[in-house]
Amino acid sequence: MLNRLFGQRPLLTLPQILVLLAIVAGLFIAVDLNRRAEAGRMVGVGEEDLQAEVDAESTRQVALQATAAYVQSDSYVEAYARNEGNYILPGEQRVVPLFIEGTPQPTATAPATPDPAARALPWQAWWRLLTDAPQPTP
């Protein structure tokens, strides 16, 4: 009624409003589907790492159980008493190795052989190259 009084036409018509609502609803649905798809992809991420960690811990558990069984055995008690408790059985004799520490002596180095080329004069080197004969004595 106000539109007729002022002579203005409406900003959006009913079909335009319905199309706009359909586009907005489509956007919301697309964003929600994308979020759900990403959540679905993230479900399996890290499963291999977790399985490897579980396998490693299972192996560690078996090793710890074997260690616990050995620690509770008589052979462990005997080994501990002999090695760390310093006990011996009757009739045995203890042998204790003695380590003598000495300072290592430096190895002698042979004197370096003199280089004849270092003392040679230039004409002697040329003489040797050209004639392949022994050098004349001056």
N, C-alpha and C. Protein backbone atom coordinates (compact mmCIF):
# COMPACT_ATOMS: atom_id res chain seq x y z
N MET A 1 0.81 -1.17 0.00
CA MET A 1 0.00 0.00 0.00
C MET A 1 0.87 1.25 0.00
N LEU A 2 1.98 1.22 0.79
CA LEU A 2 2.87 2.37 0.79
C LEU A 2 3.55 2.52 -0.56
N ASN A 3 3.80 1.39 -1.22
CA ASN A 3 4.43 1.45 -2.53
C ASN A 3 3.53 2.17 -3.53
N ARG A 4 2.24 1.97 -3.39
CA ARG A 4 1.32 2.62 -4.31
C ARG A 4 1.22 4.10 -4.01
N LEU A 5 1.37 4.44 -2.74
CA LEU A 5 1.27 5.86 -2.39
C LEU A 5 2.48 6.63 -2.89
N PHE A 6 3.66 6.05 -2.72
CA PHE A 6 4.88 6.76 -3.10
C PHE A 6 5.31 6.43 -4.52
N GLY A 7 4.76 5.44 -5.16
CA GLY A 7 5.04 5.10 -6.54
C GLY A 7 6.33 4.32 -6.71
N GLN A 8 6.79 3.68 -5.70
CA GLN A 8 8.03 2.91 -5.79
C GLN A 8 7.69 1.45 -6.01
N ARG A 9 8.55 0.78 -6.72
CA ARG A 9 8.34 -0.65 -6.90
C ARG A 9 9.17 -1.40 -5.86
N PRO A 10 8.82 -2.61 -5.52
CA PRO A 10 9.54 -3.34 -4.45
C PRO A 10 10.98 -3.65 -4.87
N LEU A 11 11.88 -3.76 -3.84
CA LEU A 11 13.30 -4.01 -4.07
C LEU A 11 13.52 -5.39 -4.69
N LEU A 12 12.89 -6.42 -4.13
CA LEU A 12 12.99 -7.78 -4.65
C LEU A 12 11.59 -8.35 -4.81
N THR A 13 11.42 -9.11 -5.86
CA THR A 13 10.13 -9.77 -6.05
C THR A 13 10.17 -11.11 -5.34
N LEU A 14 9.00 -11.71 -5.23
CA LEU A 14 8.90 -12.99 -4.54
C LEU A 14 9.75 -14.07 -5.21
N PRO A 15 9.78 -14.23 -6.52
CA PRO A 15 10.65 -15.25 -7.13
C PRO A 15 12.14 -14.95 -6.87
N GLN A 16 12.51 -13.68 -6.86
CA GLN A 16 13.91 -13.34 -6.57
C GLN A 16 14.28 -13.69 -5.13
N ILE A 17 13.41 -13.46 -4.21
CA ILE A 17 13.65 -13.81 -2.80
C ILE A 17 13.78 -15.32 -2.66
N LEU A 18 12.92 -16.09 -3.33
CA LEU A 18 13.00 -17.54 -3.26
C LEU A 18 14.31 -18.06 -3.87
N VAL A 19 14.75 -17.49 -4.97
CA VAL A 19 16.02 -17.90 -5.59
C VAL A 19 17.18 -17.57 -4.66
N LEU A 20 17.14 -16.36 -4.04
CA LEU A 20 18.19 -15.97 -3.11
C LEU A 20 18.24 -16.90 -1.90
N LEU A 21 17.09 -17.26 -1.36
CA LEU A 21 17.05 -18.21 -0.23
C LEU A 21 17.58 -19.58 -0.65
N ALA A 22 17.28 -20.02 -1.87
CA ALA A 22 17.77 -21.31 -2.36
C ALA A 22 19.29 -21.28 -2.50
N ILE A 23 19.85 -20.15 -2.98
CA ILE A 23 21.31 -20.04 -3.12
C ILE A 23 21.98 -20.06 -1.76
N VAL A 24 21.41 -19.32 -0.79
CA VAL A 24 21.99 -19.29 0.57
C VAL A 24 21.90 -20.69 1.19
N ALA A 25 20.77 -21.36 1.03
CA ALA A 25 20.63 -22.72 1.58
C ALA A 25 21.61 -23.67 0.90
N GLY A 26 21.80 -23.51 -0.41
CA GLY A 26 22.77 -24.35 -1.13
C GLY A 26 24.19 -24.13 -0.63
N LEU A 27 24.54 -22.88 -0.35
CA LEU A 27 25.87 -22.59 0.21
C LEU A 27 26.06 -23.25 1.57
N PHE A 28 25.05 -23.12 2.43
CA PHE A 28 25.15 -23.75 3.75
C PHE A 28 25.30 -25.27 3.63
N ILE A 29 24.53 -25.86 2.73
CA ILE A 29 24.61 -27.31 2.53
C ILE A 29 25.98 -27.71 1.99
N ALA A 30 26.51 -26.94 1.04
CA ALA A 30 27.83 -27.26 0.47
C ALA A 30 28.93 -27.15 1.53
N VAL A 31 28.87 -26.12 2.36
CA VAL A 31 29.88 -25.96 3.41
C VAL A 31 29.79 -27.10 4.41
N ASP A 32 28.57 -27.49 4.77
CA ASP A 32 28.40 -28.60 5.72
C ASP A 32 28.88 -29.92 5.13
N LEU A 33 28.59 -30.17 3.86
CA LEU A 33 29.06 -31.40 3.22
C LEU A 33 30.59 -31.42 3.15
N ASN A 34 31.19 -30.28 2.86
CA ASN A 34 32.65 -30.19 2.80
C ASN A 34 33.26 -30.48 4.18
N ARG A 35 32.65 -29.92 5.23
CA ARG A 35 33.14 -30.16 6.59
C ARG A 35 33.03 -31.63 6.96
N ARG A 36 31.91 -32.25 6.58
CA ARG A 36 31.73 -33.68 6.89
C ARG A 36 32.70 -34.55 6.09
N ALA A 37 32.95 -34.19 4.84
CA ALA A 37 33.90 -34.96 4.02
C ALA A 37 35.31 -34.86 4.60
N GLU A 38 35.69 -33.67 5.04
CA GLU A 38 37.02 -33.49 5.66
C GLU A 38 37.12 -34.29 6.96
N ALA A 39 36.06 -34.30 7.75
CA ALA A 39 36.06 -35.10 8.98
C ALA A 39 36.17 -36.58 8.65
N GLY A 40 35.55 -37.02 7.57
CA GLY A 40 35.63 -38.42 7.16
C GLY A 40 37.04 -38.79 6.71
N ARG A 41 37.73 -37.86 6.02
CA ARG A 41 39.11 -38.13 5.60
C ARG A 41 40.05 -38.17 6.79
N MET A 42 39.77 -37.39 7.81
CA MET A 42 40.66 -37.31 8.98
C MET A 42 40.51 -38.52 9.90
N VAL A 43 39.47 -39.35 9.70
CA VAL A 43 39.25 -40.50 10.57
C VAL A 43 40.40 -41.49 10.46
N GLY A 44 40.89 -41.77 9.26
CA GLY A 44 41.93 -42.79 9.09
C GLY A 44 43.35 -42.26 9.21
N VAL A 45 43.52 -40.94 9.36
CA VAL A 45 44.87 -40.37 9.43
C VAL A 45 45.52 -40.77 10.75
N GLY A 46 46.74 -41.24 10.67
CA GLY A 46 47.49 -41.60 11.86
C GLY A 46 47.24 -43.02 12.33
N GLU A 47 46.42 -43.77 11.62
CA GLU A 47 46.14 -45.14 12.04
C GLU A 47 47.38 -46.02 11.94
N GLU A 48 48.16 -45.84 10.87
CA GLU A 48 49.38 -46.64 10.70
C GLU A 48 50.38 -46.33 11.80
N ASP A 49 50.53 -45.04 12.12
CA ASP A 49 51.46 -44.65 13.18
C ASP A 49 51.04 -45.23 14.53
N LEU A 50 49.76 -45.17 14.79
CA LEU A 50 49.24 -45.71 16.05
C LEU A 50 49.43 -47.22 16.10
N GLN A 51 49.21 -47.91 14.98
CA GLN A 51 49.40 -49.36 14.95
C GLN A 51 50.86 -49.72 15.16
N ALA A 52 51.78 -48.95 14.57
CA ALA A 52 53.21 -49.20 14.76
C ALA A 52 53.59 -48.97 16.22
N GLU A 53 53.03 -47.96 16.84
CA GLU A 53 53.32 -47.70 18.25
C GLU A 53 52.78 -48.83 19.14
N VAL A 54 51.59 -49.33 18.82
CA VAL A 54 51.02 -50.44 19.58
C VAL A 54 51.90 -51.68 19.43
N ASP A 55 52.38 -51.95 18.22
CA ASP A 55 53.25 -53.11 17.99
C ASP A 55 54.56 -52.97 18.77
N ALA A 56 55.13 -51.77 18.78
CA ALA A 56 56.38 -51.54 19.52
C ALA A 56 56.16 -51.74 21.02
N GLU A 57 55.06 -51.25 21.52
CA GLU A 57 54.78 -51.41 22.96
C GLU A 57 54.48 -52.87 23.30
N SER A 58 53.87 -53.60 22.38
CA SER A 58 53.63 -55.03 22.62
C SER A 58 54.96 -55.79 22.70
N THR A 59 55.88 -55.45 21.80
CA THR A 59 57.21 -56.06 21.84
C THR A 59 57.93 -55.71 23.13
N ARG A 60 57.81 -54.45 23.54
CA ARG A 60 58.44 -54.01 24.80
C ARG A 60 57.83 -54.75 25.99
N GLN A 61 56.52 -54.99 25.95
CA GLN A 61 55.86 -55.71 27.04
C GLN A 61 56.40 -57.14 27.14
N VAL A 62 56.58 -57.79 26.00
CA VAL A 62 57.12 -59.16 26.01
C VAL A 62 58.53 -59.16 26.57
N ALA A 63 59.35 -58.17 26.17
CA ALA A 63 60.72 -58.08 26.68
C ALA A 63 60.73 -57.84 28.19
N LEU A 64 59.84 -56.98 28.66
CA LEU A 64 59.78 -56.71 30.10
C LEU A 64 59.30 -57.95 30.88
N GLN A 65 58.38 -58.70 30.30
CA GLN A 65 57.93 -59.93 30.96
C GLN A 65 59.06 -60.94 31.03
N ALA A 66 59.85 -61.04 29.97
CA ALA A 66 61.00 -61.96 29.98
C ALA A 66 62.02 -61.51 31.00
N THR A 67 62.26 -60.21 31.09
CA THR A 67 63.20 -59.69 32.09
C THR A 67 62.69 -59.96 33.50
N ALA A 68 61.40 -59.76 33.72
CA ALA A 68 60.82 -60.02 35.05
C ALA A 68 60.96 -61.50 35.42
N ALA A 69 60.74 -62.39 34.46
CA ALA A 69 60.89 -63.82 34.73
C ALA A 69 62.34 -64.17 35.05
N TYR A 70 63.30 -63.54 34.34
CA TYR A 70 64.72 -63.81 34.60
C TYR A 70 65.14 -63.27 35.97
N VAL A 71 64.66 -62.10 36.33
CA VAL A 71 65.04 -61.49 37.61
C VAL A 71 64.54 -62.33 38.77
N GLN A 72 63.45 -63.02 38.59
CA GLN A 72 62.90 -63.84 39.67
C GLN A 72 63.48 -65.26 39.70
N SER A 73 64.41 -65.55 38.79
CA SER A 73 64.97 -66.90 38.74
C SER A 73 66.20 -67.02 39.63
N ASP A 74 66.58 -68.26 39.91
CA ASP A 74 67.75 -68.53 40.74
C ASP A 74 69.04 -68.17 40.03
N SER A 75 69.07 -68.30 38.71
CA SER A 75 70.30 -67.99 37.98
C SER A 75 70.62 -66.49 38.07
N TYR A 76 69.61 -65.64 38.10
CA TYR A 76 69.85 -64.21 38.24
C TYR A 76 70.40 -63.89 39.63
N VAL A 77 69.82 -64.53 40.64
CA VAL A 77 70.28 -64.30 42.02
C VAL A 77 71.73 -64.74 42.15
N GLU A 78 72.07 -65.87 41.56
CA GLU A 78 73.45 -66.36 41.63
C GLU A 78 74.39 -65.41 40.88
N ALA A 79 74.01 -64.97 39.70
CA ALA A 79 74.86 -64.05 38.94
C ALA A 79 75.02 -62.73 39.67
N TYR A 80 73.96 -62.24 40.28
CA TYR A 80 74.06 -60.99 41.03
C TYR A 80 74.98 -61.16 42.24
N ALA A 81 74.85 -62.29 42.94
CA ALA A 81 75.68 -62.52 44.13
C ALA A 81 77.15 -62.62 43.74
N ARG A 82 77.45 -63.28 42.63
CA ARG A 82 78.85 -63.43 42.22
C ARG A 82 79.44 -62.13 41.69
N ASN A 83 78.71 -61.43 40.83
CA ASN A 83 79.27 -60.28 40.14
C ASN A 83 79.19 -58.99 40.95
N GLU A 84 78.06 -58.73 41.56
CA GLU A 84 77.89 -57.47 42.25
C GLU A 84 77.98 -57.60 43.76
N GLY A 85 77.60 -58.74 44.30
CA GLY A 85 77.66 -58.94 45.74
C GLY A 85 79.00 -59.47 46.21
N ASN A 86 79.86 -59.90 45.26
CA ASN A 86 81.18 -60.43 45.57
C ASN A 86 81.13 -61.65 46.49
N TYR A 87 80.15 -62.51 46.29
CA TYR A 87 80.07 -63.76 47.04
C TYR A 87 80.66 -64.89 46.21
N ILE A 88 81.20 -65.92 46.88
CA ILE A 88 81.71 -67.10 46.19
C ILE A 88 81.17 -68.34 46.89
N LEU A 89 81.13 -69.44 46.17
CA LEU A 89 80.66 -70.69 46.74
C LEU A 89 81.79 -71.32 47.55
N PRO A 90 81.46 -72.18 48.51
CA PRO A 90 82.51 -72.84 49.28
C PRO A 90 83.41 -73.67 48.36
N GLY A 91 84.73 -73.56 48.54
CA GLY A 91 85.69 -74.28 47.74
C GLY A 91 86.18 -73.50 46.53
N GLU A 92 85.61 -72.37 46.24
CA GLU A 92 86.05 -71.56 45.12
C GLU A 92 87.04 -70.50 45.58
N GLN A 93 87.85 -70.04 44.68
CA GLN A 93 88.79 -68.96 44.99
C GLN A 93 88.49 -67.79 44.07
N ARG A 94 88.56 -66.63 44.64
CA ARG A 94 88.28 -65.43 43.86
C ARG A 94 89.55 -65.00 43.13
N VAL A 95 89.41 -64.70 41.86
CA VAL A 95 90.50 -64.19 41.05
C VAL A 95 90.14 -62.76 40.67
N VAL A 96 90.99 -61.84 41.08
CA VAL A 96 90.75 -60.43 40.78
C VAL A 96 91.86 -59.95 39.86
N PRO A 97 91.56 -59.58 38.64
CA PRO A 97 92.61 -59.09 37.75
C PRO A 97 93.06 -57.70 38.18
N LEU A 98 94.36 -57.48 38.12
CA LEU A 98 94.91 -56.17 38.44
C LEU A 98 95.33 -55.49 37.16
N PHE A 99 94.94 -54.30 37.04
CA PHE A 99 95.28 -53.52 35.85
C PHE A 99 96.40 -52.57 36.21
N ILE A 100 97.49 -52.67 35.47
CA ILE A 100 98.61 -51.77 35.69
C ILE A 100 98.54 -50.70 34.62
N GLU A 101 98.40 -49.51 35.11
CA GLU A 101 98.28 -48.41 34.17
C GLU A 101 99.65 -47.81 33.94
N GLY A 102 100.03 -47.70 32.72
CA GLY A 102 101.31 -47.10 32.38
C GLY A 102 101.09 -45.98 31.38
N THR A 103 102.02 -45.08 31.38
CA THR A 103 101.90 -43.99 30.42
C THR A 103 102.52 -44.45 29.11
N PRO A 104 101.84 -44.30 28.02
CA PRO A 104 102.40 -44.73 26.75
C PRO A 104 103.56 -43.83 26.34
N GLN A 105 104.61 -44.46 25.83
CA GLN A 105 105.77 -43.72 25.37
C GLN A 105 105.55 -43.29 23.92
N PRO A 106 105.97 -42.09 23.60
CA PRO A 106 105.80 -41.67 22.20
C PRO A 106 106.73 -42.47 21.30
N THR A 107 106.25 -42.77 20.13
CA THR A 107 107.06 -43.54 19.19
C THR A 107 108.10 -42.62 18.55
N ALA A 108 109.27 -43.18 18.37
CA ALA A 108 110.34 -42.38 17.78
C ALA A 108 110.11 -42.26 16.28
N THR A 109 110.31 -41.07 15.76
CA THR A 109 110.15 -40.84 14.33
C THR A 109 111.53 -40.81 13.69
N ALA A 110 111.63 -41.40 12.53
CA ALA A 110 112.90 -41.44 11.81
C ALA A 110 113.17 -40.05 11.23
N PRO A 111 114.43 -39.66 11.18
CA PRO A 111 114.73 -38.34 10.61
C PRO A 111 114.42 -38.34 9.11
N ALA A 112 113.98 -37.24 8.64
CA ALA A 112 113.59 -37.12 7.24
C ALA A 112 114.84 -37.15 6.36
N THR A 113 114.72 -37.82 5.22
CA THR A 113 115.85 -37.88 4.29
C THR A 113 115.96 -36.54 3.58
N PRO A 114 117.18 -36.05 3.41
CA PRO A 114 117.32 -34.73 2.77
C PRO A 114 116.95 -34.81 1.29
N ASP A 115 116.38 -33.75 0.81
CA ASP A 115 115.96 -33.67 -0.58
C ASP A 115 117.09 -33.03 -1.38
N PRO A 116 117.69 -33.75 -2.33
CA PRO A 116 118.79 -33.16 -3.09
C PRO A 116 118.35 -32.02 -3.99
N ALA A 117 117.09 -32.01 -4.36
CA ALA A 117 116.62 -30.94 -5.24
C ALA A 117 116.57 -29.61 -4.50
N ALA A 118 116.45 -29.66 -3.18
CA ALA A 118 116.39 -28.41 -2.43
C ALA A 118 117.74 -27.71 -2.45
N ARG A 119 118.84 -28.47 -2.50
CA ARG A 119 120.18 -27.87 -2.50
C ARG A 119 120.76 -27.72 -3.90
N ALA A 120 120.06 -28.20 -4.93
CA ALA A 120 120.59 -28.16 -6.29
C ALA A 120 120.50 -26.76 -6.87
N LEU A 121 121.47 -26.42 -7.66
CA LEU A 121 121.46 -25.15 -8.38
C LEU A 121 120.71 -25.33 -9.69
N PRO A 122 120.18 -24.26 -10.26
CA PRO A 122 119.41 -24.42 -11.50
C PRO A 122 120.20 -25.06 -12.63
N TRP A 123 121.48 -24.74 -12.78
CA TRP A 123 122.23 -25.32 -13.89
C TRP A 123 122.42 -26.81 -13.70
N GLN A 124 122.43 -27.31 -12.44
CA GLN A 124 122.58 -28.74 -12.19
C GLN A 124 121.31 -29.50 -12.62
N ALA A 125 120.15 -28.90 -12.36
CA ALA A 125 118.90 -29.53 -12.79
C ALA A 125 118.81 -29.60 -14.30
N TRP A 126 119.22 -28.53 -14.99
CA TRP A 126 119.20 -28.54 -16.44
C TRP A 126 120.22 -29.54 -16.99
N TRP A 127 121.39 -29.62 -16.39
CA TRP A 127 122.41 -30.58 -16.81
C TRP A 127 121.88 -32.00 -16.73
N ARG A 128 121.20 -32.30 -15.62
CA ARG A 128 120.65 -33.65 -15.41
C ARG A 128 119.57 -33.95 -16.45
N LEU A 129 118.73 -32.97 -16.77
CA LEU A 129 117.66 -33.18 -17.74
C LEU A 129 118.18 -33.35 -19.16
N LEU A 130 119.18 -32.57 -19.50
CA LEU A 130 119.65 -32.58 -20.90
C LEU A 130 120.60 -33.74 -21.19
N THR A 131 121.47 -34.06 -20.26
CA THR A 131 122.48 -35.07 -20.55
C THR A 131 122.19 -36.41 -19.95
N ASP A 132 121.38 -36.47 -18.94
CA ASP A 132 121.08 -37.71 -18.23
C ASP A 132 122.37 -38.39 -17.74
N ALA A 133 123.32 -37.56 -17.41
CA ALA A 133 124.60 -38.04 -16.91
C ALA A 133 124.81 -37.48 -15.52
N PRO A 134 125.71 -38.07 -14.75
CA PRO A 134 125.97 -37.52 -13.42
C PRO A 134 126.54 -36.11 -13.53
N GLN A 135 126.31 -35.37 -12.50
CA GLN A 135 126.77 -33.98 -12.50
C GLN A 135 128.30 -33.93 -12.39
N PRO A 136 128.86 -32.96 -13.09
CA PRO A 136 130.32 -32.81 -12.95
C PRO A 136 130.65 -32.21 -11.59
N THR A 137 131.72 -32.57 -11.07
CA THR A 137 132.13 -32.03 -9.77
C THR A 137 132.81 -30.70 -10.00
N PRO A 138 132.50 -29.69 -9.27
CA PRO A 138 133.12 -28.39 -9.49
C PRO A 138 134.51 -28.30 -8.91
